[in-house]
PDB file of N, CA and C in Angstrom:
ATOM      1  N   UNK A   1       0.848  -1.179   0.000  1.00  0.00           N
ATOM      2  CA  UNK A   1       0.000   0.000   0.000  1.00  0.00           C
ATOM      3  C   UNK A   1       0.885   1.230   0.000  1.00  0.00           C
ATOM      4  N   UNK A   2       0.400   2.247  -0.685  1.00  0.00           N
ATOM      5  CA  UNK A   2       1.054   3.539  -0.655  1.00  0.00           C
ATOM      6  C   UNK A   2       0.004   4.606  -0.920  1.00  0.00           C
ATOM      7  N   UNK A   3       0.390   5.858  -0.734  1.00  0.00           N
ATOM      8  CA  UNK A   3      -0.477   6.974  -1.083  1.00  0.00           C
ATOM      9  C   UNK A   3       0.305   7.901  -2.005  1.00  0.00           C
ATOM     10  N   UNK A   4      -0.424   8.689  -2.771  1.00  0.00           N
ATOM     11  CA  UNK A   4       0.172   9.686  -3.658  1.00  0.00           C
ATOM     12  C   UNK A   4      -0.568  11.002  -3.433  1.00  0.00           C
ATOM     13  N   UNK A   5       0.072  12.130  -3.759  1.00  0.00           N
ATOM     14  CA  UNK A   5      -0.564  13.416  -3.506  1.00  0.00           C
ATOM     15  C   UNK A   5      -1.785  13.675  -4.385  1.00  0.00           C
ATOM     16  N   UNK A   6      -1.897  12.979  -5.519  1.00  0.00           N
ATOM     17  CA  UNK A   6      -3.052  13.145  -6.395  1.00  0.00           C
ATOM     18  C   UNK A   6      -3.142  11.984  -7.374  1.00  0.00           C
ATOM     19  N   UNK A   7      -4.231  11.950  -8.127  1.00  0.00           N
ATOM     20  CA  UNK A   7      -4.471  10.842  -9.061  1.00  0.00           C
ATOM     21  C   UNK A   7      -3.426  10.805 -10.173  1.00  0.00           C
ATOM     22  N   UNK A   8      -2.929  11.943 -10.594  1.00  0.00           N
ATOM     23  CA  UNK A   8      -1.937  11.983 -11.662  1.00  0.00           C
ATOM     24  C   UNK A   8      -0.647  11.263 -11.251  1.00  0.00           C
ATOM     25  N   UNK A   9      -0.152  11.573 -10.068  1.00  0.00           N
ATOM     26  CA  UNK A   9       1.056  10.903  -9.560  1.00  0.00           C
ATOM     27  C   UNK A   9       0.771   9.423  -9.351  1.00  0.00           C
ATOM     28  N   UNK A  10      -0.380   9.096  -8.769  1.00  0.00           N
ATOM     29  CA  UNK A  10      -0.745   7.693  -8.553  1.00  0.00           C
ATOM     30  C   UNK A  10      -0.799   6.936  -9.878  1.00  0.00           C
ATOM     31  N   UNK A  11      -1.358   7.555 -10.899  1.00  0.00           N
ATOM     32  CA  UNK A  11      -1.448   6.903 -12.212  1.00  0.00           C
ATOM     33  C   UNK A  11      -0.066   6.652 -12.799  1.00  0.00           C
ATOM     34  N   UNK A  12       0.844   7.615 -12.654  1.00  0.00           N
ATOM     35  CA  UNK A  12       2.212   7.416 -13.159  1.00  0.00           C
ATOM     36  C   UNK A  12       2.911   6.286 -12.414  1.00  0.00           C
ATOM     37  N   UNK A  13       2.761   6.256 -11.096  1.00  0.00           N
ATOM     38  CA  UNK A  13       3.352   5.165 -10.319  1.00  0.00           C
ATOM     39  C   UNK A  13       2.766   3.821 -10.741  1.00  0.00           C
ATOM     40  N   UNK A  14       1.441   3.770 -10.878  1.00  0.00           N
ATOM     41  CA  UNK A  14       0.770   2.524 -11.254  1.00  0.00           C
ATOM     42  C   UNK A  14       1.230   2.047 -12.632  1.00  0.00           C
ATOM     43  N   UNK A  15       1.277   2.955 -13.600  1.00  0.00           N
ATOM     44  CA  UNK A  15       1.708   2.577 -14.953  1.00  0.00           C
ATOM     45  C   UNK A  15       3.117   1.991 -14.935  1.00  0.00           C
ATOM     46  N   UNK A  16       4.015   2.619 -14.205  1.00  0.00           N
ATOM     47  CA  UNK A  16       5.386   2.120 -14.137  1.00  0.00           C
ATOM     48  C   UNK A  16       5.463   0.735 -13.507  1.00  0.00           C
ATOM     49  N   UNK A  17       4.745   0.541 -12.401  1.00  0.00           N
ATOM     50  CA  UNK A  17       4.757  -0.775 -11.742  1.00  0.00           C
ATOM     51  C   UNK A  17       4.155  -1.849 -12.632  1.00  0.00           C
ATOM     52  N   UNK A  18       3.094  -1.504 -13.369  1.00  0.00           N
ATOM     53  CA  UNK A  18       2.466  -2.474 -14.269  1.00  0.00           C
ATOM     54  C   UNK A  18       3.359  -2.762 -15.477  1.00  0.00           C
ATOM     55  N   UNK A  19       3.989  -1.734 -16.026  1.00  0.00           N
ATOM     56  CA  UNK A  19       4.883  -1.934 -17.170  1.00  0.00           C
ATOM     57  C   UNK A  19       6.055  -2.826 -16.810  1.00  0.00           C
ATOM     58  N   UNK A  20       6.563  -2.684 -15.584  1.00  0.00           N
ATOM     59  CA  UNK A  20       7.670  -3.515 -15.128  1.00  0.00           C
ATOM     60  C   UNK A  20       7.202  -4.913 -14.693  1.00  0.00           C
ATOM     61  N   UNK A  21       5.910  -5.148 -14.756  1.00  0.00           N
ATOM     62  CA  UNK A  21       5.293  -6.422 -14.346  1.00  0.00           C
ATOM     63  C   UNK A  21       5.593  -6.739 -12.881  1.00  0.00           C
ATOM     64  N   UNK A  22       5.675  -5.655 -12.078  1.00  0.00           N
ATOM     65  CA  UNK A  22       5.867  -5.830 -10.643  1.00  0.00           C
ATOM     66  C   UNK A  22       4.543  -5.961  -9.918  1.00  0.00           C
ATOM     67  N   UNK A  23       3.444  -5.632 -10.573  1.00  0.00           N
ATOM     68  CA  UNK A  23       2.105  -5.730  -9.991  1.00  0.00           C
ATOM     69  C   UNK A  23       1.150  -6.265 -11.039  1.00  0.00           C
ATOM     70  N   UNK A  24       0.118  -6.935 -10.558  1.00  0.00           N
ATOM     71  CA  UNK A  24      -0.923  -7.452 -11.449  1.00  0.00           C
ATOM     72  C   UNK A  24      -2.072  -6.461 -11.561  1.00  0.00           C
ATOM     73  N   UNK A  25      -2.323  -5.710 -10.487  1.00  0.00           N
ATOM     74  CA  UNK A  25      -3.478  -4.827 -10.415  1.00  0.00           C
ATOM     75  C   UNK A  25      -3.205  -3.790  -9.330  1.00  0.00           C
ATOM     76  N   UNK A  26      -3.665  -2.575  -9.560  1.00  0.00           N
ATOM     77  CA  UNK A  26      -3.506  -1.521  -8.562  1.00  0.00           C
ATOM     78  C   UNK A  26      -4.832  -0.783  -8.441  1.00  0.00           C
ATOM     79  N   UNK A  27      -5.419  -0.830  -7.265  1.00  0.00           N
ATOM     80  CA  UNK A  27      -6.646  -0.081  -7.000  1.00  0.00           C
ATOM     81  C   UNK A  27      -6.263   1.292  -6.485  1.00  0.00           C
ATOM     82  N   UNK A  28      -6.979   2.309  -6.973  1.00  0.00           N
ATOM     83  CA  UNK A  28      -6.728   3.679  -6.527  1.00  0.00           C
ATOM     84  C   UNK A  28      -8.036   4.285  -6.041  1.00  0.00           C
ATOM     85  N   UNK A  29      -7.956   4.999  -4.934  1.00  0.00           N
ATOM     86  CA  UNK A  29      -9.149   5.612  -4.358  1.00  0.00           C
ATOM     87  C   UNK A  29      -8.777   6.946  -3.729  1.00  0.00           C
ATOM     88  N   UNK A  30      -9.600   7.959  -3.969  1.00  0.00           N
ATOM     89  CA  UNK A  30      -9.384   9.269  -3.368  1.00  0.00           C
ATOM     90  C   UNK A  30      -9.729   9.186  -1.880  1.00  0.00           C
ATOM     91  N   UNK A  31      -8.842   9.738  -1.052  1.00  0.00           N
ATOM     92  CA  UNK A  31      -9.031   9.689   0.395  1.00  0.00           C
ATOM     93  C   UNK A  31      -8.692  11.050   1.013  1.00  0.00           C
ATOM     94  N   UNK A  32      -9.086  11.230   2.242  1.00  0.00           N
ATOM     95  CA  UNK A  32      -8.707  12.393   3.051  1.00  0.00           C
ATOM     96  C   UNK A  32      -7.802  11.875   4.149  1.00  0.00           C
ATOM     97  N   UNK A  33      -6.569  12.366   4.202  1.00  0.00           N
ATOM     98  CA  UNK A  33      -5.601  11.921   5.202  1.00  0.00           C
ATOM     99  C   UNK A  33      -5.398  12.993   6.256  1.00  0.00           C
ATOM    100  N   UNK A  34      -5.371  12.572   7.510  1.00  0.00           N
ATOM    101  CA  UNK A  34      -5.050  13.433   8.636  1.00  0.00           C
ATOM    102  C   UNK A  34      -3.872  12.779   9.347  1.00  0.00           C
ATOM    103  N   UNK A  35      -2.789  13.542   9.555  1.00  0.00           N
ATOM    104  CA  UNK A  35      -1.582  12.949  10.101  1.00  0.00           C
ATOM    105  C   UNK A  35      -0.717  14.020  10.752  1.00  0.00           C
ATOM    106  N   UNK A  36       0.251  13.576  11.529  1.00  0.00           N
ATOM    107  CA  UNK A  36       1.217  14.476  12.147  1.00  0.00           C
ATOM    108  C   UNK A  36       2.498  14.408  11.327  1.00  0.00           C
ATOM    109  N   UNK A  37       2.988  15.582  10.887  1.00  0.00           N
ATOM    110  CA  UNK A  37       4.231  15.646  10.121  1.00  0.00           C
ATOM    111  C   UNK A  37       5.045  16.824  10.632  1.00  0.00           C
ATOM    112  N   UNK A  38       6.249  16.527  11.120  1.00  0.00           N
ATOM    113  CA  UNK A  38       7.159  17.546  11.650  1.00  0.00           C
ATOM    114  C   UNK A  38       6.485  18.393  12.732  1.00  0.00           C
ATOM    115  N   UNK A  39       5.695  17.701  13.580  1.00  0.00           N
ATOM    116  CA  UNK A  39       5.061  18.353  14.718  1.00  0.00           C
ATOM    117  C   UNK A  39       3.741  19.040  14.435  1.00  0.00           C
ATOM    118  N   UNK A  40       3.329  19.110  13.180  1.00  0.00           N
ATOM    119  CA  UNK A  40       2.073  19.772  12.827  1.00  0.00           C
ATOM    120  C   UNK A  40       1.020  18.745  12.428  1.00  0.00           C
ATOM    121  N   UNK A  41      -0.234  19.061  12.706  1.00  0.00           N
ATOM    122  CA  UNK A  41      -1.339  18.236  12.234  1.00  0.00           C
ATOM    123  C   UNK A  41      -1.668  18.678  10.814  1.00  0.00           C
ATOM    124  N   UNK A  42      -1.656  17.724   9.897  1.00  0.00           N
ATOM    125  CA  UNK A  42      -1.905  18.015   8.478  1.00  0.00           C
ATOM    126  C   UNK A  42      -3.169  17.306   8.020  1.00  0.00           C
ATOM    127  N   UNK A  43      -3.832  17.916   7.068  1.00  0.00           N
ATOM    128  CA  UNK A  43      -5.034  17.338   6.455  1.00  0.00           C
ATOM    129  C   UNK A  43      -4.901  17.531   4.952  1.00  0.00           C
ATOM    130  N   UNK A  44      -4.869  16.427   4.215  1.00  0.00           N
ATOM    131  CA  UNK A  44      -4.659  16.506   2.773  1.00  0.00           C
ATOM    132  C   UNK A  44      -5.551  15.519   2.033  1.00  0.00           C
ATOM    133  N   UNK A  45      -5.867  15.867   0.808  1.00  0.00           N
ATOM    134  CA  UNK A  45      -6.500  14.933  -0.116  1.00  0.00           C
ATOM    135  C   UNK A  45      -5.372  14.124  -0.749  1.00  0.00           C
ATOM    136  N   UNK A  46      -5.524  12.824  -0.811  1.00  0.00           N
ATOM    137  CA  UNK A  46      -4.515  11.957  -1.409  1.00  0.00           C
ATOM    138  C   UNK A  46      -5.213  10.866  -2.220  1.00  0.00           C
ATOM    139  N   UNK A  47      -4.418  10.094  -2.922  1.00  0.00           N
ATOM    140  CA  UNK A  47      -4.914   8.910  -3.610  1.00  0.00           C
ATOM    141  C   UNK A  47      -4.252   7.697  -2.986  1.00  0.00           C
ATOM    142  N   UNK A  48      -5.056   6.809  -2.423  1.00  0.00           N
ATOM    143  CA  UNK A  48      -4.552   5.572  -1.844  1.00  0.00           C
ATOM    144  C   UNK A  48      -4.369   4.546  -2.954  1.00  0.00           C
ATOM    145  N   UNK A  49      -3.291   3.792  -2.863  1.00  0.00           N
ATOM    146  CA  UNK A  49      -2.994   2.764  -3.858  1.00  0.00           C
ATOM    147  C   UNK A  49      -2.817   1.419  -3.168  1.00  0.00           C
ATOM    148  N   UNK A  50      -3.579   0.447  -3.603  1.00  0.00           N
ATOM    149  CA  UNK A  50      -3.466  -0.923  -3.119  1.00  0.00           C
ATOM    150  C   UNK A  50      -2.879  -1.746  -4.253  1.00  0.00           C
ATOM    151  N   UNK A  51      -1.647  -2.216  -4.075  1.00  0.00           N
ATOM    152  CA  UNK A  51      -0.876  -2.864  -5.137  1.00  0.00           C
ATOM    153  C   UNK A  51      -0.917  -4.378  -4.943  1.00  0.00           C
ATOM    154  N   UNK A  52      -1.491  -5.075  -5.917  1.00  0.00           N
ATOM    155  CA  UNK A  52      -1.562  -6.539  -5.845  1.00  0.00           C
ATOM    156  C   UNK A  52      -0.336  -7.112  -6.536  1.00  0.00           C
ATOM    157  N   UNK A  53       0.449  -7.884  -5.789  1.00  0.00           N
ATOM    158  CA  UNK A  53       1.710  -8.387  -6.317  1.00  0.00           C
ATOM    159  C   UNK A  53       2.126  -9.660  -5.599  1.00  0.00           C
ATOM    160  N   UNK A  54       3.336 -10.107  -5.886  1.00  0.00           N
ATOM    161  CA  UNK A  54       3.928 -11.263  -5.228  1.00  0.00           C
ATOM    162  C   UNK A  54       4.913 -10.795  -4.167  1.00  0.00           C
ATOM    163  N   UNK A  55       5.071 -11.576  -3.123  1.00  0.00           N
ATOM    164  CA  UNK A  55       5.986 -11.233  -2.044  1.00  0.00           C
ATOM    165  C   UNK A  55       7.392 -10.980  -2.587  1.00  0.00           C
ATOM    166  N   UNK A  56       7.818 -11.764  -3.554  1.00  0.00           N
ATOM    167  CA  UNK A  56       9.185 -11.623  -4.078  1.00  0.00           C
ATOM    168  C   UNK A  56       9.413 -10.288  -4.797  1.00  0.00           C
ATOM    169  N   UNK A  57       8.346  -9.581  -5.184  1.00  0.00           N
ATOM    170  CA  UNK A  57       8.476  -8.296  -5.864  1.00  0.00           C
ATOM    171  C   UNK A  57       8.553  -7.112  -4.901  1.00  0.00           C
ATOM    172  N   UNK A  58       8.349  -7.355  -3.611  1.00  0.00           N
ATOM    173  CA  UNK A  58       8.260  -6.242  -2.663  1.00  0.00           C
ATOM    174  C   UNK A  58       9.477  -5.313  -2.718  1.00  0.00           C
ATOM    175  N   UNK A  59      10.668  -5.852  -2.685  1.00  0.00           N
ATOM    176  CA  UNK A  59      11.874  -5.022  -2.674  1.00  0.00           C
ATOM    177  C   UNK A  59      11.973  -4.124  -3.893  1.00  0.00           C
ATOM    178  N   UNK A  60      11.664  -4.656  -5.049  1.00  0.00           N
ATOM    179  CA  UNK A  60      11.715  -3.853  -6.274  1.00  0.00           C
ATOM    180  C   UNK A  60      10.616  -2.791  -6.281  1.00  0.00           C
ATOM    181  N   UNK A  61       9.436  -3.136  -5.748  1.00  0.00           N
ATOM    182  CA  UNK A  61       8.351  -2.153  -5.661  1.00  0.00           C
ATOM    183  C   UNK A  61       8.736  -1.031  -4.702  1.00  0.00           C
ATOM    184  N   UNK A  62       9.295  -1.390  -3.560  1.00  0.00           N
ATOM    185  CA  UNK A  62       9.731  -0.372  -2.606  1.00  0.00           C
ATOM    186  C   UNK A  62      10.753   0.557  -3.261  1.00  0.00           C
ATOM    187  N   UNK A  63      11.728  -0.009  -3.949  1.00  0.00           N
ATOM    188  CA  UNK A  63      12.739   0.808  -4.628  1.00  0.00           C
ATOM    189  C   UNK A  63      12.109   1.709  -5.679  1.00  0.00           C
ATOM    190  N   UNK A  64      11.171   1.169  -6.451  1.00  0.00           N
ATOM    191  CA  UNK A  64      10.515   1.946  -7.501  1.00  0.00           C
ATOM    192  C   UNK A  64       9.766   3.137  -6.893  1.00  0.00           C
ATOM    193  N   UNK A  65       8.997   2.881  -5.851  1.00  0.00           N
ATOM    194  CA  UNK A  65       8.228   3.953  -5.219  1.00  0.00           C
ATOM    195  C   UNK A  65       9.170   5.001  -4.632  1.00  0.00           C
ATOM    196  N   UNK A  66      10.205   4.588  -3.908  1.00  0.00           N
ATOM    197  CA  UNK A  66      11.139   5.553  -3.318  1.00  0.00           C
ATOM    198  C   UNK A  66      11.785   6.419  -4.400  1.00  0.00           C
ATOM    199  N   UNK A  67      12.097   5.842  -5.537  1.00  0.00           N
ATOM    200  CA  UNK A  67      12.773   6.566  -6.612  1.00  0.00           C
ATOM    201  C   UNK A  67      11.840   7.508  -7.371  1.00  0.00           C
ATOM    202  N   UNK A  68      10.559   7.125  -7.533  1.00  0.00           N
ATOM    203  CA  UNK A  68       9.631   7.880  -8.372  1.00  0.00           C
ATOM    204  C   UNK A  68       8.590   8.705  -7.608  1.00  0.00           C
ATOM    205  N   UNK A  69       8.568   8.605  -6.301  1.00  0.00           N
ATOM    206  CA  UNK A  69       7.537   9.270  -5.498  1.00  0.00           C
ATOM    207  C   UNK A  69       7.983  10.678  -5.116  1.00  0.00           C
ATOM    208  N   UNK A  70       7.076  11.656  -5.139  1.00  0.00           N
ATOM    209  CA  UNK A  70       7.472  13.024  -4.795  1.00  0.00           C
ATOM    210  C   UNK A  70       7.624  13.292  -3.291  1.00  0.00           C
ATOM    211  N   UNK A  71       7.075  12.438  -2.427  1.00  0.00           N
ATOM    212  CA  UNK A  71       7.174  12.676  -0.986  1.00  0.00           C
ATOM    213  C   UNK A  71       8.586  12.363  -0.481  1.00  0.00           C
ATOM    214  N   UNK A  72       9.032  13.109   0.543  1.00  0.00           N
ATOM    215  CA  UNK A  72      10.302  12.802   1.196  1.00  0.00           C
ATOM    216  C   UNK A  72      10.246  11.433   1.874  1.00  0.00           C
ATOM    217  N   UNK A  73       9.094  11.120   2.434  1.00  0.00           N
ATOM    218  CA  UNK A  73       8.905   9.850   3.143  1.00  0.00           C
ATOM    219  C   UNK A  73       7.572   9.241   2.712  1.00  0.00           C
ATOM    220  N   UNK A  74       7.570   8.496   1.595  1.00  0.00           N
ATOM    221  CA  UNK A  74       6.303   7.917   1.142  1.00  0.00           C
ATOM    222  C   UNK A  74       5.843   6.764   2.039  1.00  0.00           C
ATOM    223  N   UNK A  75       4.544   6.655   2.167  1.00  0.00           N
ATOM    224  CA  UNK A  75       3.973   5.496   2.859  1.00  0.00           C
ATOM    225  C   UNK A  75       4.209   4.273   1.975  1.00  0.00           C
ATOM    226  N   UNK A  76       4.857   3.269   2.531  1.00  0.00           N
ATOM    227  CA  UNK A  76       5.025   1.991   1.839  1.00  0.00           C
ATOM    228  C   UNK A  76       4.796   0.922   2.895  1.00  0.00           C
ATOM    229  N   UNK A  77       3.682   0.232   2.786  1.00  0.00           N
ATOM    230  CA  UNK A  77       3.305  -0.765   3.784  1.00  0.00           C
ATOM    231  C   UNK A  77       3.042  -2.091   3.088  1.00  0.00           C
ATOM    232  N   UNK A  78       3.642  -3.137   3.611  1.00  0.00           N
ATOM    233  CA  UNK A  78       3.466  -4.488   3.078  1.00  0.00           C
ATOM    234  C   UNK A  78       2.417  -5.204   3.922  1.00  0.00           C
ATOM    235  N   UNK A  79       1.370  -5.676   3.264  1.00  0.00           N
ATOM    236  CA  UNK A  79       0.297  -6.402   3.937  1.00  0.00           C
ATOM    237  C   UNK A  79       0.261  -7.810   3.352  1.00  0.00           C
ATOM    238  N   UNK A  80       0.528  -8.827   4.159  1.00  0.00           N
ATOM    239  CA  UNK A  80       0.547 -10.189   3.613  1.00  0.00           C
ATOM    240  C   UNK A  80      -0.862 -10.691   3.302  1.00  0.00           C
ATOM    241  N   UNK A  81      -0.945 -11.482   2.252  1.00  0.00           N
ATOM    242  CA  UNK A  81      -2.194 -12.160   1.896  1.00  0.00           C
ATOM    243  C   UNK A  81      -2.128 -13.555   2.508  1.00  0.00           C
ATOM    244  N   UNK A  82      -3.123 -13.891   3.299  1.00  0.00           N
ATOM    245  CA  UNK A  82      -3.115 -15.203   3.946  1.00  0.00           C
ATOM    246  C   UNK A  82      -4.087 -16.177   3.298  1.00  0.00           C
ATOM    247  N   UNK A  83      -4.798 -15.721   2.285  1.00  0.00           N
ATOM    248  CA  UNK A  83      -5.714 -16.596   1.574  1.00  0.00           C
ATOM    249  C   UNK A  83      -6.462 -15.824   0.525  1.00  0.00           C
ATOM    250  N   UNK A  84      -7.225 -16.549  -0.268  1.00  0.00           N
ATOM    251  CA  UNK A  84      -8.011 -15.925  -1.318  1.00  0.00           C
ATOM    252  C   UNK A  84      -8.449 -16.962  -2.336  1.00  0.00           C
ATOM    253  N   UNK A  85      -9.225 -16.529  -3.289  1.00  0.00           N
ATOM    254  CA  UNK A  85      -9.673 -17.404  -4.363  1.00  0.00           C
ATOM    255  C   UNK A  85      -8.448 -17.906  -5.119  1.00  0.00           C
ATOM    256  N   UNK A  86      -8.197 -19.211  -5.152  1.00  0.00           N
ATOM    257  CA  UNK A  86      -6.988 -19.729  -5.783  1.00  0.00           C
ATOM    258  C   UNK A  86      -6.778 -19.242  -7.218  1.00  0.00           C
ATOM    259  N   UNK A  87      -7.826 -19.200  -8.023  1.00  0.00           N
ATOM    260  CA  UNK A  87      -7.669 -18.751  -9.407  1.00  0.00           C
ATOM    261  C   UNK A  87      -7.225 -17.290  -9.469  1.00  0.00           C
ATOM    262  N   UNK A  88      -7.735 -16.447  -8.558  1.00  0.00           N
ATOM    263  CA  UNK A  88      -7.334 -15.041  -8.519  1.00  0.00           C
ATOM    264  C   UNK A  88      -5.869 -14.921  -8.111  1.00  0.00           C
ATOM    265  N   UNK A  89      -5.469 -15.665  -7.090  1.00  0.00           N
ATOM    266  CA  UNK A  89      -4.078 -15.633  -6.646  1.00  0.00           C
ATOM    267  C   UNK A  89      -3.145 -16.144  -7.737  1.00  0.00           C
ATOM    268  N   UNK A  90      -3.583 -17.153  -8.490  1.00  0.00           N
ATOM    269  CA  UNK A  90      -2.797 -17.655  -9.630  1.00  0.00           C
ATOM    270  C   UNK A  90      -2.634 -16.563 -10.685  1.00  0.00           C
ATOM    271  N   UNK A  91      -3.713 -15.811 -10.936  1.00  0.00           N
ATOM    272  CA  UNK A  91      -3.644 -14.720 -11.909  1.00  0.00           C
ATOM    273  C   UNK A  91      -2.618 -13.669 -11.478  1.00  0.00           C
ATOM    274  N   UNK A  92      -2.621 -13.312 -10.197  1.00  0.00           N
ATOM    275  CA  UNK A  92      -1.627 -12.355  -9.711  1.00  0.00           C
ATOM    276  C   UNK A  92      -0.223 -12.881  -9.969  1.00  0.00           C
ATOM    277  N   UNK A  93      -0.020 -14.153  -9.661  1.00  0.00           N
ATOM    278  CA  UNK A  93       1.294 -14.763  -9.880  1.00  0.00           C
ATOM    279  C   UNK A  93       1.728 -14.722 -11.331  1.00  0.00           C
ATOM    280  N   UNK A  94       0.787 -14.934 -12.235  1.00  0.00           N
ATOM    281  CA  UNK A  94       1.109 -14.933 -13.664  1.00  0.00           C
ATOM    282  C   UNK A  94       1.338 -13.514 -14.188  1.00  0.00           C
ATOM    283  N   UNK A  95       0.577 -12.550 -13.678  1.00  0.00           N
ATOM    284  CA  UNK A  95       0.649 -11.179 -14.191  1.00  0.00           C
ATOM    285  C   UNK A  95       1.791 -10.368 -13.578  1.00  0.00           C
ATOM    286  N   UNK A  96       2.220 -10.697 -12.382  1.00  0.00           N
ATOM    287  CA  UNK A  96       3.240  -9.918 -11.677  1.00  0.00           C
ATOM    288  C   UNK A  96       4.552 -10.678 -11.601  1.00  0.00           C
ATOM    289  N   UNK A  97       5.039 -11.088 -12.732  1.00  0.00           N
ATOM    290  CA  UNK A  97       6.265 -11.905 -12.761  1.00  0.00           C
ATOM    291  C   UNK A  97       7.536 -11.100 -12.547  1.00  0.00           C
ATOM    292  N   UNK A  98       7.435  -9.782 -12.598  1.00  0.00           N
ATOM    293  CA  UNK A  98       8.628  -8.976 -12.396  1.00  0.00           C
ATOM    294  C   UNK A  98       9.605  -9.069 -13.553  1.00  0.00           C
ATOM    295  N   UNK A  99       9.070  -9.260 -14.754  1.00  0.00           N
ATOM    296  CA  UNK A  99       9.938  -9.460 -15.911  1.00  0.00           C
ATOM    297  C   UNK A  99      10.064  -8.236 -16.787  1.00  0.00           C
ATOM    298  N   UNK A 100       9.773  -7.059 -16.236  1.00  0.00           N
ATOM    299  CA  UNK A 100       9.907  -5.835 -17.008  1.00  0.00           C
ATOM    300  C   UNK A 100      11.355  -5.459 -17.219  1.00  0.00           C
ATOM    301  N   UNK A 101      11.597  -4.249 -17.685  1.00  0.00           N
ATOM    302  CA  UNK A 101      12.949  -3.830 -18.056  1.00  0.00           C
ATOM    303  C   UNK A 101      13.779  -3.298 -16.889  1.00  0.00           C
ATOM    304  N   UNK A 102      13.210  -3.211 -15.703  1.00  0.00           N
ATOM    305  CA  UNK A 102      13.959  -2.653 -14.573  1.00  0.00           C
ATOM    306  C   UNK A 102      15.040  -3.595 -14.084  1.00  0.00           C
TER     307      UNK A 102
END
């Protein structure tokens, strides 16, 4: 999971991850974030991104986001999948092979 400052940045991140075959699917949703940053309470509109991928791609995804994200400290959270529809999980495995040009 990660967030972006707007849909345009989120779309660029998503396109890059998909082109590199590091993700099978990325859901994006507009959200309102409230958080503490450098001692101040902040409230911003952001785009949340839920990246469907394989565990083995995590390191490359983290590197990609850190390199291409405009935030000094982007949210990058790994959430393990403990189950799901086998055919769907197989599709993720086939689509997110990590065989792009990176």
